[in-house]
Amino acid sequence: MANPHSDAFSNEGSFDIMRYVHLVLKRKGLLVSIALFSMLVAIVAAYVMPKKYKAESIVFIEQNVISDLVKGIAITPSMDMKIKAIKVTMLSRTMVLNVIKALDMDVHASTDRELDAMIAGLQKRIQVSLDERRGVFKISLEDENPVRARDVVNTLTRIYIEENTSTKRKESYEATQFLAEQIEVFKKRIDAAEKEIDKFKASSGQVLFADEGAVRAEINIATNSLEELRIRINALKTSKGLLLSNTPLRQQLDEQQKILASMRGRYTENHPKVRQMENAIAATKQQIKSKGDDELSAVYRTSEYQSIKVNLASLENTMQNLEEELQRNREILRQIPAVRSELAELERKRNNETIIYEKLVSRYGQSEVSKEMELQDKSMSFRVLDPAVVPSTPSKPNRPLIILLGIIGGIGLGVGVIVLLDMINPSIKTLEDLKEYGVPVLAVIPKVRDEEQIAKQRSRDRWIYAAGLAGLLISLSFLVMEFLHLGLVDKVIAKVAGMVG
């Protein structure tokens, strides 16, 4: 038997919204039941879930105008650096533990494990959000106890500001003290370097301050002078030799030697004349040996010999002095590069120490100004714009949203269940279903209307509509009360709880 509403259906492959409207109207009882159940669950859940109250504090990081005035003179931390360090510092274990101890919350932890769990829980629930553009940060906490939420937020803010200020002051003082110590160290090192340079100059002054060009010129002059002296000395030595060789016996010996040389060119060695001349030469040498000293003494006493002797001694002494001076200048010339290089290295070390010393002195002045700014909170200060107050309304659960989702979700779930049941129903619903099986449809018999059955159905529908409307109105009333924050339901629940207690 075909459905009497089959003429309202569309062809296969198209979506017929009226079919689903008729389907929902046909099973409106199931829709209302599911919707009412969902609304009831949402309302119960909204009031059963524990309340969470959110306390929030807003802190402004104020950049003092003095920071701009002392820029380049004092060293002040940038706002970006401070803001980036806020979240890490605030959520540190030490900071959270200080808050717990300040509020005596640790009395509820009997063991270290419970205390660790309490610290970890607060670290997870405390939210620190930064607004770098505006230069503010927010500290918030959700807790079942609104007073505790306010106290934790305000205590955390206060402890952070106090510790941040004291830490910056301590850092500034330690930095100034460190710079003062380093200045003293480098001052001693500079003095030691100066003494070493002075000592080196005193020991190597002759080489250090010598003019290399002048030394080379002196070496050239000394070399030329030595050459001239050697020539003059050789001449005097020749003259001296001539004087010593001009005695009668020596002249006779020279003549005899010349004659012997001539004879050897004409005669053999055994010739009588050669033998005779050799004997004469030997006799002359014997005479020179026996009487030569007397002849030399006579030469020595001559003024000419004495003049040559004195001049020769003077020239040899001058030559020795020139050679010593030449050797000394050559040694100086050889040492000049090494000595100057060593002095340059000593001065470089001294200059490096001086540069560092001057920077330290400059930084020390900046550190003094920075320390005073930190001590007087002149660089950057924290100002609490909005301290946390006891929240009057809970932030969780969001009852209006839960109730609204219960209403919408209940209706949607009911429609979805109806559609799903229809999809899994294997019965034939339309003429098109019959045509798919190739069954010829000769006629459609309309459903016979039973007035009594229709009256019962209308009465039942009225009860369904009334129940659905009543449930919707009740849900909407709860929704309105929560939007208006009337708190009537909470008062009733508290009164009933008190009566039961």
Protein backbone atom coordinates (compact mmCIF):
# COMPACT_ATOMS: atom_id res chain seq x y z
CA MET A 1 0.00 0.00 0.00
CA ALA A 2 1.44 3.35 -0.99
CA ASN A 3 1.71 6.35 1.30
CA PRO A 4 -1.19 8.81 0.80
CA HIS A 5 1.30 11.69 0.74
CA SER A 6 3.26 10.20 -2.14
CA ASP A 7 2.01 12.86 -4.56
CA ALA A 8 3.98 15.48 -2.57
CA PHE A 9 7.25 13.64 -3.03
CA SER A 10 9.80 14.63 -5.61
CA ASN A 11 11.54 12.42 -8.08
CA GLU A 12 14.48 10.24 -7.17
CA GLY A 13 17.75 12.05 -6.64
CA SER A 14 16.22 15.29 -5.29
CA PHE A 15 15.82 16.46 -1.72
CA ASP A 16 12.14 16.80 -0.68
CA ILE A 17 12.03 18.92 2.48
CA MET A 18 8.29 18.45 2.83
CA ARG A 19 8.78 14.71 3.18
CA TYR A 20 11.00 15.27 6.24
CA VAL A 21 8.60 17.89 7.63
CA HIS A 22 5.78 15.36 7.42
CA LEU A 23 8.09 12.75 8.91
CA VAL A 24 8.94 14.97 11.90
CA LEU A 25 5.28 15.93 12.42
CA LYS A 26 4.32 12.29 12.28
CA ARG A 27 6.82 11.41 15.04
CA LYS A 28 6.59 14.64 17.01
CA GLY A 29 6.25 12.74 20.25
CA LEU A 30 9.74 11.28 19.86
CA LEU A 31 11.06 14.74 18.92
CA VAL A 32 9.56 16.38 22.01
CA SER A 33 10.77 13.58 24.29
CA ILE A 34 14.34 13.82 23.08
CA ALA A 35 14.30 17.65 23.15
CA LEU A 36 12.87 17.74 26.69
CA PHE A 37 15.41 15.20 27.88
CA SER A 38 18.28 17.19 26.37
CA MET A 39 17.00 20.43 27.91
CA LEU A 40 16.69 18.73 31.27
CA VAL A 41 20.21 17.32 31.06
CA ALA A 42 21.59 20.74 30.04
CA ILE A 43 19.81 22.53 32.91
CA VAL A 44 20.91 19.94 35.46
CA ALA A 45 24.47 20.00 34.14
CA ALA A 46 24.54 23.81 34.23
CA TYR A 47 23.65 23.84 37.91
CA VAL A 48 25.50 20.72 38.97
CA MET A 49 28.87 21.69 37.50
CA PRO A 50 31.05 23.46 40.13
CA LYS A 51 31.31 27.21 39.84
CA LYS A 52 34.61 28.79 38.91
CA TYR A 53 35.27 32.45 39.68
CA LYS A 54 37.83 34.42 37.68
CA ALA A 55 39.84 37.18 39.34
CA GLU A 56 41.99 39.41 37.15
CA SER A 57 44.55 42.13 37.74
CA ILE A 58 45.92 44.56 35.11
CA VAL A 59 49.41 45.99 35.56
CA PHE A 60 50.86 48.81 33.50
CA ILE A 61 54.59 49.01 32.79
CA GLU A 62 55.36 52.70 32.97
CA GLN A 63 58.43 54.03 31.14
CA ASN A 64 59.69 57.06 33.05
CA VAL A 65 60.57 60.20 31.08
CA ILE A 66 63.97 60.18 32.82
CA SER A 67 64.89 57.08 30.83
CA ASP A 68 64.78 59.13 27.64
CA LEU A 69 66.76 61.95 29.23
CA VAL A 70 69.61 59.66 30.34
CA LYS A 71 69.68 57.57 27.17
CA GLY A 72 73.33 56.91 26.33
CA ILE A 73 74.39 57.89 29.87
CA ALA A 74 72.65 55.23 31.93
CA ILE A 75 71.88 51.65 31.02
CA THR A 76 68.22 50.79 31.47
CA PRO A 77 66.60 47.50 30.47
CA SER A 78 64.23 47.74 27.51
CA MET A 79 60.53 47.28 27.96
CA ASP A 80 60.53 44.37 25.52
CA MET A 81 63.03 42.48 27.64
CA LYS A 82 61.05 43.09 30.81
CA ILE A 83 57.75 42.04 29.26
CA LYS A 84 59.23 38.82 27.86
CA ALA A 85 60.59 37.89 31.28
CA ILE A 86 57.32 38.53 33.14
CA LYS A 87 55.49 35.33 32.22
CA VAL A 88 58.44 33.06 32.89
CA THR A 89 59.18 34.70 36.24
CA MET A 90 55.59 34.83 37.46
CA LEU A 91 54.91 31.18 36.76
CA SER A 92 58.18 29.98 38.27
CA ARG A 93 58.03 27.51 41.14
CA THR A 94 59.71 29.93 43.54
CA MET A 95 57.21 32.69 42.84
CA VAL A 96 54.16 30.41 43.16
CA LEU A 97 55.55 28.88 46.37
CA ASN A 98 56.00 32.36 47.86
CA VAL A 99 52.35 33.11 47.08
CA ILE A 100 51.21 29.86 48.71
CA LYS A 101 53.22 30.59 51.85
CA ALA A 102 52.06 34.22 51.99
CA LEU A 103 48.39 33.06 51.95
CA ASP A 104 49.04 30.11 54.32
CA MET A 105 47.74 27.74 51.70
CA ASP A 106 50.56 25.31 52.49
CA VAL A 107 48.86 24.33 55.78
CA HIS A 108 46.48 22.22 53.70
CA ALA A 109 49.40 20.21 52.26
CA SER A 110 50.56 17.58 54.71
CA THR A 111 53.26 16.11 52.45
CA ASP A 112 55.73 17.42 49.88
CA ARG A 113 53.83 15.60 47.16
CA GLU A 114 50.63 17.46 48.02
CA LEU A 115 52.54 20.74 48.07
CA ASP A 116 54.03 19.98 44.64
CA ALA A 117 50.56 19.14 43.33
CA MET A 118 49.24 22.44 44.73
CA ILE A 119 52.07 24.38 43.04
CA ALA A 120 51.57 22.58 39.71
CA GLY A 121 47.81 23.20 39.87
CA LEU A 122 48.28 26.93 40.42
CA GLN A 123 50.86 27.12 37.63
CA LYS A 124 48.35 25.57 35.24
CA ARG A 125 45.45 27.78 36.32
CA ILE A 126 47.28 31.10 36.53
CA GLN A 127 47.13 32.89 33.19
CA VAL A 128 49.54 35.69 32.31
CA SER A 129 48.73 37.51 29.08
CA LEU A 130 50.92 40.25 27.63
CA ASP A 131 49.97 43.22 25.50
CA GLU A 132 53.35 44.51 24.30
CA ARG A 133 51.80 47.25 22.19
CA ARG A 134 50.01 48.83 25.16
CA GLY A 135 52.73 47.88 27.64
CA VAL A 136 50.39 46.04 30.05
CA PHE A 137 50.02 42.52 31.27
CA LYS A 138 47.11 40.70 32.90
CA ILE A 139 47.22 38.11 35.67
CA SER A 140 44.11 35.98 36.08
CA LEU A 141 43.06 32.87 37.99
CA GLU A 142 39.93 30.75 38.02
CA ASP A 143 39.04 29.12 41.33
CA GLU A 144 36.00 27.75 43.10
CA ASN A 145 36.61 30.22 45.93
CA PRO A 146 36.28 33.81 44.64
CA VAL A 147 38.09 35.29 47.64
CA ARG A 148 41.00 32.91 47.19
CA ALA A 149 41.15 33.74 43.48
CA ARG A 150 41.39 37.47 44.29
CA ASP A 151 43.98 36.96 47.01
CA VAL A 152 46.21 34.75 44.84
CA VAL A 153 46.17 37.22 41.94
CA ASN A 154 46.83 40.29 44.11
CA THR A 155 49.52 38.53 46.16
CA LEU A 156 51.26 37.25 43.04
CA THR A 157 51.22 40.75 41.55
CA ARG A 158 52.56 42.32 44.73
CA ILE A 159 55.33 39.76 45.25
CA TYR A 160 56.43 39.99 41.62
CA ILE A 161 56.65 43.79 41.71
CA GLU A 162 58.54 43.74 45.02
CA GLU A 163 60.98 41.02 43.95
CA ASN A 164 61.49 42.56 40.52
CA THR A 165 62.34 45.92 42.09
CA SER A 166 64.68 44.42 44.71
CA THR A 167 66.35 42.17 42.13
CA LYS A 168 67.05 45.09 39.79
CA ARG A 169 68.48 47.10 42.66
CA LYS A 170 70.70 44.22 43.71
CA GLU A 171 71.87 43.67 40.14
CA SER A 172 72.67 47.38 39.74
CA TYR A 173 74.64 47.43 43.00
CA GLU A 174 76.58 44.26 42.13
CA ALA A 175 77.32 45.57 38.63
CA THR A 176 78.67 48.85 40.05
CA GLN A 177 80.80 47.01 42.60
CA PHE A 178 82.14 44.65 39.94
CA LEU A 179 83.08 47.56 37.66
CA ALA A 180 84.87 49.31 40.53
CA GLU A 181 86.92 46.18 41.23
CA GLN A 182 87.79 45.75 37.55
CA ILE A 183 88.83 49.40 37.27
CA GLU A 184 91.27 48.91 40.14
CA VAL A 185 92.66 45.73 38.56
CA PHE A 186 93.21 47.36 35.18
CA LYS A 187 94.72 50.48 36.78
CA LYS A 188 97.37 48.26 38.39
CA ARG A 189 97.96 46.46 35.11
CA ILE A 190 98.44 49.78 33.27
CA ASP A 191 100.91 50.98 35.94
CA ALA A 192 102.84 47.71 35.64
CA ALA A 193 102.92 48.06 31.85
CA GLU A 194 104.19 51.66 32.14
CA LYS A 195 106.97 50.58 34.49
CA GLU A 196 107.97 47.80 32.12
CA ILE A 197 108.11 50.24 29.19
CA ASP A 198 110.22 52.72 31.19
CA LYS A 199 112.59 49.95 32.26
CA PHE A 200 112.91 48.74 28.69
CA LYS A 201 113.59 52.27 27.39
CA ALA A 202 116.27 52.76 30.04
CA SER A 203 118.04 49.51 29.13
CA SER A 204 117.71 49.86 25.36
CA GLY A 205 117.72 53.63 24.99
CA GLN A 206 120.86 53.82 22.82
CA VAL A 207 119.45 51.39 20.30
CA LEU A 208 115.86 52.53 20.66
CA PHE A 209 116.45 56.21 19.98
CA ALA A 210 119.17 55.77 17.36
CA ASP A 211 118.56 57.26 13.93
CA GLU A 212 118.84 54.39 11.48
CA GLY A 213 119.81 56.68 8.61
CA ALA A 214 122.46 58.43 10.67
CA VAL A 215 123.86 55.10 11.84
CA ARG A 216 124.13 53.87 8.26
CA ALA A 217 125.85 57.11 7.25
CA GLU A 218 128.34 56.71 10.12
CA ILE A 219 129.00 53.13 9.04
CA ASN A 220 129.75 54.28 5.49
CA ILE A 221 132.04 57.08 6.70
CA ALA A 222 133.89 54.70 9.05
CA THR A 223 134.30 52.14 6.27
CA ASN A 224 135.83 54.75 3.94
CA SER A 225 138.06 56.06 6.72
CA LEU A 226 139.29 52.54 7.45
CA GLU A 227 140.23 52.06 3.82
CA GLU A 228 142.23 55.30 3.82
CA LEU A 229 143.92 54.35 7.10
CA ARG A 230 144.90 50.94 5.75
CA ILE A 231 146.48 52.60 2.73
CA ARG A 232 148.44 55.05 4.88
CA ILE A 233 149.50 52.33 7.31
CA ASN A 234 150.69 50.14 4.47
CA ALA A 235 152.67 53.08 3.08
CA LEU A 236 154.28 53.76 6.45
CA LYS A 237 155.09 50.10 6.89
CA THR A 238 156.74 50.14 3.47
CA SER A 239 158.74 53.21 4.40
CA LYS A 240 159.73 51.60 7.67
CA GLY A 241 160.87 48.47 5.85
CA LEU A 242 162.91 50.55 3.44
CA LEU A 243 164.63 52.36 6.31
CA LEU A 244 165.49 49.09 8.01
CA SER A 245 166.75 47.61 4.76
CA ASN A 246 169.08 50.58 3.84
CA THR A 247 172.06 49.67 6.24
CA PRO A 248 175.51 49.11 4.55
CA LEU A 249 175.56 45.38 5.28
CA ARG A 250 171.99 44.88 4.07
CA GLN A 251 172.71 46.92 0.94
CA GLN A 252 175.84 44.78 0.40
CA LEU A 253 173.73 41.64 0.89
CA ASP A 254 171.18 42.84 -1.64
CA GLU A 255 173.94 43.52 -4.19
CA GLN A 256 175.49 40.11 -3.62
CA GLN A 257 172.10 38.38 -3.99
CA LYS A 258 171.47 40.20 -7.26
CA ILE A 259 174.95 39.15 -8.59
CA LEU A 260 174.31 35.56 -7.51
CA ALA A 261 171.03 35.56 -9.34
CA SER A 262 172.78 36.84 -12.47
CA MET A 263 175.48 34.18 -12.18
CA ARG A 264 173.01 31.38 -11.85
CA GLY A 265 171.65 32.45 -15.14
CA ARG A 266 175.01 31.97 -16.79
CA TYR A 267 176.73 29.25 -14.70
CA THR A 268 175.85 26.04 -12.98
CA GLU A 269 175.60 25.65 -9.28
CA ASN A 270 179.01 24.09 -8.99
CA HIS A 271 180.80 26.81 -10.85
CA PRO A 272 183.65 28.32 -8.78
CA LYS A 273 182.34 31.86 -9.14
CA VAL A 274 178.86 30.78 -7.97
CA ARG A 275 180.42 28.98 -5.02
CA GLN A 276 182.55 31.99 -4.24
CA MET A 277 179.51 34.34 -4.29
CA GLU A 278 177.50 32.03 -2.09
CA ASN A 279 180.33 32.01 0.43
CA ALA A 280 180.47 35.82 0.27
CA ILE A 281 176.70 36.04 0.90
CA ALA A 282 177.02 33.68 3.86
CA ALA A 283 179.83 35.80 5.28
CA THR A 284 177.72 38.95 4.87
CA LYS A 285 174.77 37.33 6.64
CA GLN A 286 177.09 36.36 9.44
CA GLN A 287 178.24 39.92 9.71
CA ILE A 288 174.62 41.13 9.72
CA LYS A 289 173.86 38.67 12.44
CA SER A 290 176.76 39.82 14.53
CA LYS A 291 176.75 43.54 13.68
CA GLY A 292 173.13 44.02 12.43
CA ASP A 293 171.70 45.15 15.76
CA ASP A 294 174.14 48.00 15.90
CA GLU A 295 173.16 49.10 12.43
CA LEU A 296 169.40 48.81 13.28
CA SER A 297 169.93 50.76 16.47
CA ALA A 298 171.45 53.51 14.45
CA VAL A 299 168.38 53.45 12.16
CA TYR A 300 166.02 53.42 15.14
CA ARG A 301 167.67 56.57 16.48
CA THR A 302 167.05 58.51 13.32
CA SER A 303 164.28 61.14 13.34
CA GLU A 304 162.79 59.74 10.16
CA TYR A 305 162.28 56.31 11.70
CA GLN A 306 160.84 57.78 14.89
CA SER A 307 158.41 59.88 12.89
CA ILE A 308 157.26 56.85 10.90
CA LYS A 309 156.88 54.83 14.13
CA VAL A 310 154.81 57.50 15.87
CA ASN A 311 152.56 58.04 12.83
CA LEU A 312 152.10 54.30 12.39
CA ALA A 313 151.10 53.80 16.03
CA SER A 314 148.65 56.71 15.85
CA LEU A 315 147.09 55.42 12.66
CA GLU A 316 146.79 51.88 14.07
CA ASN A 317 145.13 53.23 17.24
CA THR A 318 142.73 55.32 15.14
CA MET A 319 142.04 52.29 13.00
CA GLN A 320 141.26 50.17 16.07
CA ASN A 321 138.86 52.83 17.39
CA LEU A 322 137.15 53.07 14.02
CA GLU A 323 136.75 49.29 13.85
CA GLU A 324 135.22 49.23 17.35
CA GLU A 325 132.87 52.09 16.44
CA LEU A 326 131.97 50.36 13.18
CA GLN A 327 131.23 47.11 15.02
CA ARG A 328 129.15 48.97 17.60
CA ASN A 329 127.11 50.79 14.91
CA ARG A 330 126.55 47.56 13.03
CA GLU A 331 125.30 45.90 16.24
CA ILE A 332 122.99 48.86 16.87
CA LEU A 333 121.70 48.65 13.31
CA ARG A 334 121.10 44.93 13.75
CA GLN A 335 119.21 45.40 17.06
CA ILE A 336 117.01 48.34 16.00
CA PRO A 337 114.16 46.28 14.40
CA ALA A 338 113.95 43.79 17.29
CA VAL A 339 114.10 46.47 19.99
CA ARG A 340 111.50 48.67 18.31
CA SER A 341 109.26 45.65 17.73
CA GLU A 342 109.50 44.69 21.39
CA LEU A 343 108.73 48.26 22.45
CA ALA A 344 105.75 48.35 20.06
CA GLU A 345 104.45 45.11 21.61
CA LEU A 346 104.80 46.52 25.12
CA GLU A 347 103.01 49.72 24.08
CA ARG A 348 100.28 47.72 22.35
CA LYS A 349 99.61 45.79 25.54
CA ARG A 350 99.60 49.03 27.51
CA ASN A 351 97.21 50.66 25.03
CA ASN A 352 94.84 47.66 25.10
CA GLU A 353 94.74 47.82 28.88
CA THR A 354 94.13 51.56 28.67
CA ILE A 355 91.23 51.15 26.22
CA ILE A 356 89.54 48.59 28.48
CA TYR A 357 90.22 50.80 31.50
CA GLU A 358 88.62 53.84 29.84
CA LYS A 359 85.57 51.78 28.83
CA LEU A 360 85.25 50.48 32.38
CA VAL A 361 85.44 54.02 33.76
CA SER A 362 82.74 55.12 31.31
CA ARG A 363 80.57 52.12 32.16
CA TYR A 364 81.12 52.79 35.86
CA GLY A 365 79.66 56.27 35.48
CA GLN A 366 76.69 54.84 33.60
CA SER A 367 76.29 52.16 36.26
CA GLU A 368 76.22 54.76 39.02
CA VAL A 369 73.42 56.65 37.28
CA SER A 370 71.58 53.38 36.53
CA LYS A 371 71.89 52.30 40.16
CA GLU A 372 70.43 55.56 41.40
CA MET A 373 67.59 55.25 38.89
CA GLU A 374 66.82 51.73 40.07
CA LEU A 375 67.03 52.75 43.74
CA GLN A 376 64.58 55.58 43.11
CA ASP A 377 62.44 53.64 40.60
CA LYS A 378 63.13 56.23 37.92
CA SER A 379 63.77 53.93 34.98
CA MET A 380 60.72 51.73 34.68
CA SER A 381 57.97 51.08 37.19
CA PHE A 382 54.94 48.84 37.51
CA ARG A 383 51.58 50.41 38.24
CA VAL A 384 48.55 48.29 39.08
CA LEU A 385 45.74 49.73 37.01
CA ASP A 386 43.00 47.33 38.11
CA PRO A 387 43.68 45.19 41.17
CA ALA A 388 41.77 41.93 41.40
CA VAL A 389 38.43 42.11 43.22
CA VAL A 390 36.16 39.36 44.50
CA PRO A 391 34.19 38.26 41.41
CA SER A 392 30.44 38.35 41.96
CA THR A 393 29.50 36.07 39.09
CA PRO A 394 31.16 32.81 38.13
CA SER A 395 33.09 32.61 34.89
CA LYS A 396 32.38 28.88 34.62
CA PRO A 397 30.18 27.13 33.89
CA ASN A 398 28.65 29.35 31.21
CA ARG A 399 25.07 28.49 32.14
CA PRO A 400 23.31 30.55 29.45
CA LEU A 401 25.42 28.89 26.77
CA ILE A 402 24.88 25.41 28.20
CA ILE A 403 21.08 25.90 28.42
CA LEU A 404 20.96 27.41 24.93
CA LEU A 405 23.00 24.52 23.54
CA GLY A 406 20.65 22.13 25.36
CA ILE A 407 17.60 23.70 23.65
CA ILE A 408 19.12 23.82 20.18
CA GLY A 409 20.95 20.54 20.57
CA GLY A 410 17.86 18.78 21.87
CA ILE A 411 15.75 19.83 18.91
CA GLY A 412 18.54 18.99 16.48
CA LEU A 413 19.13 15.63 18.13
CA GLY A 414 15.42 14.78 17.98
CA VAL A 415 15.22 15.60 14.27
CA GLY A 416 18.40 13.63 13.66
CA VAL A 417 17.09 10.55 15.45
CA ILE A 418 13.82 10.69 13.50
CA VAL A 419 15.63 10.98 10.18
CA LEU A 420 18.02 8.18 11.14
CA LEU A 421 15.19 5.83 12.12
CA ASP A 422 13.50 6.57 8.81
CA MET A 423 16.71 5.84 6.90
CA ILE A 424 17.19 2.45 8.55
CA ASN A 425 13.50 1.52 8.14
CA PRO A 426 13.37 -1.06 5.26
CA SER A 427 9.62 -0.65 4.52
CA ILE A 428 8.32 0.82 1.25
CA LYS A 429 7.43 4.44 1.72
CA THR A 430 6.74 5.93 -1.73
CA LEU A 431 5.48 4.98 -5.19
CA GLU A 432 9.03 5.39 -6.48
CA ASP A 433 10.13 2.60 -4.13
CA LEU A 434 7.62 0.26 -5.80
CA LYS A 435 8.70 1.32 -9.26
CA GLU A 436 12.30 0.38 -8.45
CA TYR A 437 11.14 -3.20 -7.98
CA GLY A 438 9.24 -3.13 -11.30
CA VAL A 439 5.86 -3.53 -9.62
CA PRO A 440 3.07 -1.95 -11.72
CA VAL A 441 0.87 0.43 -9.70
CA LEU A 442 -2.70 0.31 -10.94
CA ALA A 443 -4.30 2.58 -8.33
CA VAL A 444 -3.70 4.31 -5.04
CA ILE A 445 -6.18 3.67 -2.25
CA PRO A 446 -6.40 6.62 0.14
CA LYS A 447 -6.28 6.03 3.86
CA VAL A 448 -9.77 5.70 5.40
CA ARG A 449 -10.30 8.41 8.01
CA ASP A 450 -11.53 7.24 11.42
CA GLU A 451 -13.06 10.19 13.26
CA GLU A 452 -12.66 8.61 16.67
CA GLN A 453 -9.04 7.78 15.98
CA ILE A 454 -8.48 11.29 14.63
CA ALA A 455 -9.94 12.83 17.82
CA LYS A 456 -7.65 10.70 19.98
CA GLN A 457 -4.69 11.69 17.84
CA ARG A 458 -5.54 15.38 18.13
CA SER A 459 -5.88 15.09 21.92
CA ARG A 460 -2.55 13.31 22.08
CA ASP A 461 -0.95 15.94 19.84
CA ARG A 462 -2.22 18.70 22.09
CA TRP A 463 -0.55 17.07 25.11
CA ILE A 464 2.66 16.67 23.13
CA TYR A 465 2.62 20.31 22.02
CA ALA A 466 1.80 21.45 25.54
CA ALA A 467 4.64 19.39 27.03
CA GLY A 468 7.08 20.64 24.41
CA LEU A 469 6.00 24.25 24.85
CA ALA A 470 6.13 23.96 28.63
CA GLY A 471 9.64 22.46 28.50
CA LEU A 472 10.78 25.14 26.08
CA LEU A 473 9.32 27.90 28.26
CA ILE A 474 10.95 26.45 31.34
CA SER A 475 14.31 26.26 29.58
CA LEU A 476 13.91 29.80 28.28
CA SER A 477 13.02 31.01 31.77
CA PHE A 478 16.20 29.47 33.14
CA LEU A 479 18.08 31.07 30.25
CA VAL A 480 16.62 34.52 30.96
CA MET A 481 17.34 34.24 34.69
CA GLU A 482 20.98 33.42 33.94
CA PHE A 483 21.29 36.23 31.44
CA LEU A 484 19.92 38.64 34.04
CA HIS A 485 22.04 37.08 36.82
CA LEU A 486 19.04 36.86 39.14
CA GLY A 487 20.44 33.93 41.09
CA LEU A 488 17.03 32.60 42.06
CA VAL A 489 17.90 29.00 41.27
CA ASP A 490 21.07 29.20 43.33
CA LYS A 491 19.13 30.50 46.28
CA VAL A 492 16.61 27.69 45.99
CA ILE A 493 19.38 25.09 45.68
CA ALA A 494 21.18 26.59 48.69
CA LYS A 495 17.96 26.58 50.73
CA VAL A 496 17.18 23.00 49.84
CA ALA A 497 20.75 21.99 50.61
CA GLY A 498 20.46 23.75 53.96
CA MET A 499 17.20 21.94 54.75
CA VAL A 500 18.71 18.61 53.79
CA GLY A 501 21.80 19.33 55.84
